[in-house]
Amino acid sequence: MKIDIKDDIPPVIALECVKQVVAEGKVSTGEKGKKYYCWATSFQTSAGKIMVATRQYRKDDCFIVYIIK
């Protein structure tokens, strides 16, 4: 798993958001029945409105955390 934190978001906030996405589990079924996390989930935090997006990164998931502007 890879986590890419953008926009100088404090790591504690970014990791808490990613933790919530992972806790909800993989919710979509893709090709060949493989399960995926929701493509994007937003959170209202003390750092602003944050989006956690996912994409495939080699064989693992990659979480991209950024502020919605």
Protein backbone atom coordinates (compact mmCIF):
# COMPACT_ATOMS: atom_id res chain seq x y z
CA MET A 1 0.00 0.00 0.00
CA LYS A 2 1.22 3.50 -0.86
CA ILE A 3 -0.07 6.80 0.56
CA ASP A 4 0.63 10.03 -1.33
CA ILE A 5 -0.11 13.10 0.85
CA LYS A 6 -0.47 16.41 -1.01
CA ASP A 7 -1.05 20.07 -0.07
CA ASP A 8 0.98 19.93 3.18
CA ILE A 9 -1.79 18.02 4.95
CA PRO A 10 -0.59 16.95 8.40
CA PRO A 11 0.23 13.23 8.24
CA VAL A 12 -1.91 12.46 11.31
CA ILE A 13 -5.01 13.86 9.57
CA ALA A 14 -4.21 12.17 6.26
CA LEU A 15 -3.63 8.79 7.90
CA GLU A 16 -6.85 9.05 9.91
CA CYS A 17 -8.82 9.65 6.69
CA VAL A 18 -7.13 6.72 4.93
CA LYS A 19 -7.77 4.57 8.00
CA GLN A 20 -11.51 5.31 7.73
CA VAL A 21 -11.55 4.41 4.02
CA VAL A 22 -9.77 1.11 4.71
CA ALA A 23 -12.11 0.37 7.65
CA GLU A 24 -15.12 0.69 5.31
CA GLY A 25 -13.55 -1.97 3.14
CA LYS A 26 -13.43 -2.62 -0.57
CA VAL A 27 -16.82 -1.65 -1.98
CA SER A 28 -16.60 -1.99 -5.77
CA THR A 29 -16.08 -5.02 -7.97
CA GLY A 30 -13.91 -4.56 -11.05
CA GLU A 31 -12.71 -6.77 -13.83
CA LYS A 32 -12.34 -10.48 -13.07
CA GLY A 33 -14.24 -9.98 -9.81
CA LYS A 34 -11.41 -8.07 -8.12
CA LYS A 35 -12.57 -5.80 -5.27
CA TYR A 36 -11.61 -2.11 -5.14
CA TYR A 37 -11.94 0.70 -2.61
CA CYS A 38 -14.39 3.50 -3.39
CA TRP A 39 -12.72 5.75 -5.97
CA ALA A 40 -12.98 8.88 -3.81
CA THR A 41 -14.21 9.75 -0.31
CA SER A 42 -14.32 13.25 1.18
CA PHE A 43 -13.86 14.29 4.81
CA GLN A 44 -14.35 17.61 6.60
CA THR A 45 -11.30 18.07 8.85
CA SER A 46 -9.51 20.80 10.77
CA ALA A 47 -7.19 21.08 7.73
CA GLY A 48 -10.16 21.71 5.40
CA LYS A 49 -12.18 19.45 3.13
CA ILE A 50 -9.97 16.49 2.27
CA MET A 51 -10.40 13.93 -0.50
CA VAL A 52 -8.99 10.42 -0.36
CA ALA A 53 -8.81 8.96 -3.86
CA THR A 54 -7.57 5.50 -4.78
CA ARG A 55 -5.86 4.03 -7.79
CA GLN A 56 -3.92 0.92 -8.57
CA TYR A 57 -0.19 1.21 -7.90
CA ARG A 58 1.60 -1.74 -9.42
CA LYS A 59 -0.01 -4.63 -7.55
CA ASP A 60 -1.14 -2.68 -4.48
CA ASP A 61 -3.57 0.15 -3.80
CA CYS A 62 -2.42 3.77 -3.70
CA PHE A 63 -4.25 6.36 -1.63
CA ILE A 64 -3.90 9.98 -2.71
CA VAL A 65 -4.88 12.51 -0.03
CA TYR A 66 -5.44 16.15 -1.03
CA ILE A 67 -7.39 19.27 -0.10
CA ILE A 68 -10.44 20.06 -2.19
CA LYS A 69 -10.01 23.59 -3.49
